[in-house]
N, C-alpha and C. Protein backbone atom coordinates (compact mmCIF):
# COMPACT_ATOMS: atom_id res chain seq x y z
N MET A 1 -12.99 0.40 -13.69
CA MET A 1 -11.98 1.44 -13.72
C MET A 1 -10.88 1.03 -14.69
N LYS A 2 -10.58 1.88 -15.61
CA LYS A 2 -9.54 1.59 -16.59
C LYS A 2 -8.18 2.03 -16.03
N GLN A 3 -7.21 1.14 -16.09
CA GLN A 3 -5.88 1.43 -15.57
C GLN A 3 -5.03 2.03 -16.67
N LYS A 4 -4.42 3.19 -16.39
CA LYS A 4 -3.54 3.83 -17.35
C LYS A 4 -2.18 3.16 -17.29
N THR A 5 -1.37 3.37 -18.30
CA THR A 5 -0.06 2.72 -18.36
C THR A 5 0.91 3.24 -17.32
N ASN A 6 0.73 4.47 -16.84
CA ASN A 6 1.64 5.00 -15.84
C ASN A 6 1.09 4.90 -14.42
N THR A 7 0.15 4.01 -14.20
CA THR A 7 -0.44 3.81 -12.88
C THR A 7 0.03 2.48 -12.30
N ILE A 8 0.46 2.51 -11.05
CA ILE A 8 0.87 1.30 -10.34
C ILE A 8 -0.09 1.13 -9.18
N ILE A 9 -0.67 -0.05 -9.06
CA ILE A 9 -1.56 -0.34 -7.95
C ILE A 9 -0.86 -1.31 -7.01
N LEU A 10 -0.69 -0.89 -5.76
CA LEU A 10 -0.07 -1.73 -4.74
C LEU A 10 -1.13 -2.06 -3.70
N GLN A 11 -1.30 -3.32 -3.41
CA GLN A 11 -2.25 -3.74 -2.39
C GLN A 11 -1.48 -4.24 -1.19
N MET A 12 -1.72 -3.62 -0.04
CA MET A 12 -1.02 -3.97 1.19
C MET A 12 -2.02 -4.68 2.10
N ASN A 13 -1.78 -5.94 2.38
CA ASN A 13 -2.69 -6.73 3.21
C ASN A 13 -2.21 -6.77 4.65
N GLY A 14 -3.16 -6.92 5.56
CA GLY A 14 -2.85 -7.12 6.97
C GLY A 14 -2.18 -5.93 7.63
N THR A 15 -2.59 -4.73 7.30
CA THR A 15 -1.97 -3.55 7.88
C THR A 15 -2.64 -3.18 9.19
N LYS A 16 -1.87 -2.56 10.06
CA LYS A 16 -2.38 -2.12 11.36
C LYS A 16 -2.75 -0.65 11.27
N SER A 17 -3.63 -0.22 12.16
CA SER A 17 -4.08 1.17 12.17
C SER A 17 -2.91 2.13 12.35
N LYS A 18 -1.98 1.77 13.22
CA LYS A 18 -0.82 2.62 13.48
C LYS A 18 0.03 2.79 12.22
N ASP A 19 0.19 1.70 11.46
CA ASP A 19 0.96 1.76 10.23
C ASP A 19 0.29 2.67 9.19
N ILE A 20 -1.03 2.63 9.14
CA ILE A 20 -1.77 3.48 8.20
C ILE A 20 -1.62 4.95 8.59
N ARG A 21 -1.70 5.24 9.88
CA ARG A 21 -1.50 6.62 10.33
C ARG A 21 -0.12 7.13 9.96
N ASN A 22 0.89 6.28 10.17
CA ASN A 22 2.26 6.67 9.81
C ASN A 22 2.40 6.90 8.32
N LEU A 23 1.74 6.08 7.51
CA LEU A 23 1.80 6.24 6.05
C LEU A 23 1.21 7.59 5.64
N ARG A 24 0.11 7.97 6.26
CA ARG A 24 -0.50 9.26 5.96
C ARG A 24 0.43 10.42 6.28
N LYS A 25 1.28 10.24 7.28
CA LYS A 25 2.25 11.27 7.67
C LYS A 25 3.50 11.23 6.82
N GLY A 26 3.63 10.21 5.97
CA GLY A 26 4.81 10.07 5.12
C GLY A 26 5.99 9.46 5.84
N GLN A 27 5.70 8.54 6.74
CA GLN A 27 6.76 7.87 7.49
C GLN A 27 6.33 6.44 7.82
N GLY A 28 7.20 5.68 8.42
CA GLY A 28 6.86 4.33 8.85
C GLY A 28 7.32 3.25 7.88
N LYS A 29 7.08 2.00 8.30
CA LYS A 29 7.59 0.87 7.53
C LYS A 29 6.85 0.67 6.20
N ILE A 30 5.56 0.95 6.14
CA ILE A 30 4.83 0.80 4.88
C ILE A 30 5.33 1.83 3.87
N PHE A 31 5.56 3.05 4.33
CA PHE A 31 6.07 4.10 3.45
C PHE A 31 7.42 3.70 2.87
N LYS A 32 8.28 3.13 3.70
CA LYS A 32 9.60 2.69 3.24
C LYS A 32 9.47 1.52 2.27
N ASN A 33 8.57 0.58 2.56
CA ASN A 33 8.37 -0.57 1.67
C ASN A 33 7.88 -0.13 0.29
N ILE A 34 6.97 0.82 0.26
CA ILE A 34 6.45 1.32 -1.01
C ILE A 34 7.57 1.99 -1.80
N GLY A 35 8.40 2.75 -1.11
CA GLY A 35 9.54 3.39 -1.78
C GLY A 35 10.49 2.38 -2.38
N LYS A 36 10.75 1.29 -1.65
CA LYS A 36 11.65 0.24 -2.15
C LYS A 36 11.05 -0.45 -3.38
N ILE A 37 9.76 -0.73 -3.32
CA ILE A 37 9.09 -1.40 -4.45
C ILE A 37 9.16 -0.52 -5.70
N LEU A 38 8.88 0.77 -5.54
CA LEU A 38 8.91 1.68 -6.69
C LEU A 38 10.32 1.81 -7.25
N GLU A 39 11.32 1.86 -6.38
CA GLU A 39 12.71 1.93 -6.85
C GLU A 39 13.09 0.69 -7.65
N GLN A 40 12.66 -0.50 -7.16
CA GLN A 40 12.96 -1.75 -7.86
C GLN A 40 12.30 -1.78 -9.23
N LEU A 41 11.05 -1.34 -9.30
CA LEU A 41 10.34 -1.34 -10.58
C LEU A 41 10.99 -0.38 -11.57
N LYS A 42 11.42 0.77 -11.10
CA LYS A 42 12.07 1.74 -11.98
C LYS A 42 13.44 1.24 -12.42
N ALA A 43 14.16 0.56 -11.51
CA ALA A 43 15.50 0.06 -11.84
C ALA A 43 15.44 -1.04 -12.91
N THR A 44 14.41 -1.87 -12.85
CA THR A 44 14.28 -2.95 -13.82
C THR A 44 13.65 -2.48 -15.13
N GLY A 45 13.15 -1.25 -15.14
CA GLY A 45 12.55 -0.71 -16.36
C GLY A 45 11.13 -1.18 -16.60
N LYS A 46 10.48 -1.71 -15.58
CA LYS A 46 9.12 -2.21 -15.74
C LYS A 46 8.07 -1.12 -15.60
N THR A 47 8.49 0.07 -15.21
CA THR A 47 7.55 1.16 -15.04
C THR A 47 8.21 2.47 -15.48
N PRO A 48 7.43 3.40 -16.01
CA PRO A 48 8.02 4.69 -16.39
C PRO A 48 8.37 5.54 -15.17
N GLU A 49 9.21 6.53 -15.37
CA GLU A 49 9.65 7.39 -14.27
C GLU A 49 8.51 8.21 -13.69
N ASP A 50 7.51 8.55 -14.50
CA ASP A 50 6.42 9.40 -14.03
C ASP A 50 5.21 8.61 -13.54
N ALA A 51 5.41 7.38 -13.13
CA ALA A 51 4.31 6.53 -12.69
C ALA A 51 3.70 7.05 -11.39
N GLN A 52 2.39 6.95 -11.29
CA GLN A 52 1.66 7.37 -10.10
C GLN A 52 1.19 6.14 -9.34
N PRO A 53 1.69 5.91 -8.12
CA PRO A 53 1.25 4.75 -7.35
C PRO A 53 -0.12 4.99 -6.72
N ILE A 54 -0.92 3.94 -6.71
CA ILE A 54 -2.19 3.93 -5.99
C ILE A 54 -2.06 2.83 -4.96
N ILE A 55 -2.21 3.19 -3.69
CA ILE A 55 -2.01 2.22 -2.62
C ILE A 55 -3.36 1.86 -2.03
N ILE A 56 -3.62 0.56 -1.96
CA ILE A 56 -4.87 0.06 -1.40
C ILE A 56 -4.53 -0.66 -0.10
N MET A 57 -5.10 -0.20 1.00
CA MET A 57 -4.84 -0.80 2.30
C MET A 57 -6.00 -1.73 2.64
N VAL A 58 -5.68 -2.94 3.03
CA VAL A 58 -6.70 -3.92 3.39
C VAL A 58 -6.45 -4.36 4.82
N ARG A 59 -7.45 -4.17 5.67
CA ARG A 59 -7.34 -4.60 7.06
C ARG A 59 -8.30 -5.76 7.28
N LYS A 60 -7.92 -6.62 8.21
CA LYS A 60 -8.82 -7.71 8.57
C LYS A 60 -10.01 -7.15 9.32
N LYS A 61 -11.16 -7.66 9.00
CA LYS A 61 -12.35 -7.25 9.72
C LYS A 61 -12.34 -7.95 11.07
N SER A 62 -12.52 -7.17 12.12
CA SER A 62 -12.51 -7.78 13.44
C SER A 62 -13.79 -8.58 13.64
N LYS A 63 -13.63 -9.70 14.30
CA LYS A 63 -14.79 -10.54 14.56
C LYS A 63 -15.63 -9.90 15.66
N SER A 64 -16.92 -9.82 15.42
CA SER A 64 -17.78 -9.28 16.46
C SER A 64 -18.00 -10.35 17.52
N LYS A 65 -17.83 -9.95 18.73
CA LYS A 65 -17.97 -10.90 19.83
C LYS A 65 -19.39 -10.84 20.39
N GLY A 66 -19.90 -12.00 20.65
CA GLY A 66 -21.23 -12.09 21.22
C GLY A 66 -21.17 -12.17 22.74
N ILE A 67 -22.24 -12.48 23.33
CA ILE A 67 -22.33 -12.56 24.79
C ILE A 67 -21.47 -13.69 25.33
N PHE A 68 -21.40 -14.81 24.62
CA PHE A 68 -20.72 -16.00 25.12
C PHE A 68 -19.27 -16.12 24.66
N ASP A 69 -18.73 -15.12 24.01
CA ASP A 69 -17.34 -15.18 23.52
C ASP A 69 -16.38 -14.61 24.53
């Protein structure tokens, strides 16, 4: 995938299901964190004003429990 100059990719590690649901609704701590990051990047001039963020959510895979766990 070729990244355009006005694209920002943010990878959020260790997110909880509840936080992801809140992000989809446009609220919650992840939504606020993304807003702060974008504001900082725009303030420092490292990104154009019309940048489109792409957010990648990464959750830990739950360990499958066996009979003896």
